[in-house]
Protein backbone atom coordinates (compact mmCIF):
# COMPACT_ATOMS: atom_id res chain seq x y z
CA MET A 1 2.21 -8.84 3.44
CA GLU A 2 2.23 -11.34 6.25
CA SER A 3 -0.60 -12.68 8.39
CA GLY A 4 -1.43 -10.45 11.35
CA HIS A 5 -1.85 -11.72 14.87
CA VAL A 6 -3.15 -10.45 18.18
CA GLU A 7 -0.78 -10.28 21.13
CA GLY A 8 -1.63 -10.03 24.81
CA GLU A 9 -3.12 -11.90 27.71
CA ASP A 10 -6.65 -12.07 26.33
CA GLU A 11 -5.95 -13.10 22.76
CA GLU A 12 -9.14 -13.46 20.73
CA THR A 13 -8.13 -14.76 17.32
CA SER A 14 -11.63 -15.47 15.98
CA ASN A 15 -12.35 -11.74 15.52
CA ARG A 16 -9.32 -10.70 13.50
CA ARG A 17 -8.08 -11.95 10.15
CA CYS A 18 -5.70 -9.57 8.43
CA LYS A 19 -2.49 -9.10 6.51
CA VAL A 20 0.15 -6.70 7.83
CA GLY A 21 2.88 -4.89 5.94
CA TRP A 22 5.11 -1.84 6.33
CA ILE A 23 5.88 1.21 4.22
CA ILE A 24 9.53 2.24 4.52
CA PRO A 25 10.30 6.02 4.36
CA THR A 26 12.96 5.50 1.66
CA THR A 27 10.69 3.51 -0.69
CA PRO A 28 10.46 5.31 -4.05
CA GLY A 29 6.94 6.65 -4.58
CA ALA A 30 6.04 6.50 -0.88
CA GLU A 31 7.12 10.07 -0.07
CA TRP A 32 3.59 11.45 -0.43
CA ILE A 33 2.15 9.30 2.35
CA PHE A 34 4.90 10.33 4.78
CA ASP A 35 4.46 14.00 3.79
CA LYS A 36 0.69 13.79 4.33
CA THR A 37 1.04 11.92 7.63
CA LYS A 38 3.69 14.38 8.83
CA PHE A 39 1.42 17.33 7.97
CA LEU A 40 -1.56 15.83 9.84
CA VAL A 41 0.51 14.83 12.89
CA ASN A 42 2.09 18.30 13.08
CA GLU A 43 -1.32 19.94 12.75
CA ALA A 44 -2.77 17.84 15.60
CA ASN A 45 0.35 18.39 17.71
CA GLN A 46 0.19 22.18 17.34
CA LYS A 47 -3.50 22.23 18.22
CA TYR A 48 -3.55 19.77 21.14
CA TYR A 49 -0.17 18.65 22.45
CA ARG A 50 2.68 21.07 21.68
CA SER A 51 5.34 18.34 21.89
CA ASP A 52 8.79 18.58 20.30
CA LEU A 53 8.62 16.33 17.24
CA PHE A 54 11.65 15.25 15.23
CA GLY A 55 10.23 13.54 12.12
CA PHE A 56 9.69 9.99 11.00
CA THR A 57 12.31 7.34 11.56
CA GLU A 58 10.03 4.29 11.68
CA ARG A 59 8.09 2.41 9.03
CA LEU A 60 4.35 2.91 8.74
CA GLN A 61 2.26 -0.20 9.35
CA ILE A 62 -0.48 -0.96 6.85
CA THR A 63 -3.13 -3.54 7.64
CA ARG A 64 -5.54 -5.13 5.20
C-alpha cells in the first residue's frame, strides 16, 4: 500500500490519512471479490439504470 493523497483545488490534507492499494482481477484468490462486486453492480443496474455493462477491466481500489 502507498500513502493516499487528496487532489483538487481545495486540498485539505489534515482530514485524511490513509493507505491506498489496488486489487487486480487476475490476482489468485481475488476472484470472489470481483464476483461479489459484479453481482451487486448488476443488481443495482437492473433496478435503477439499465445500462449496457461489459464487465470489469480495471483494478479495484482499496483504502485503509
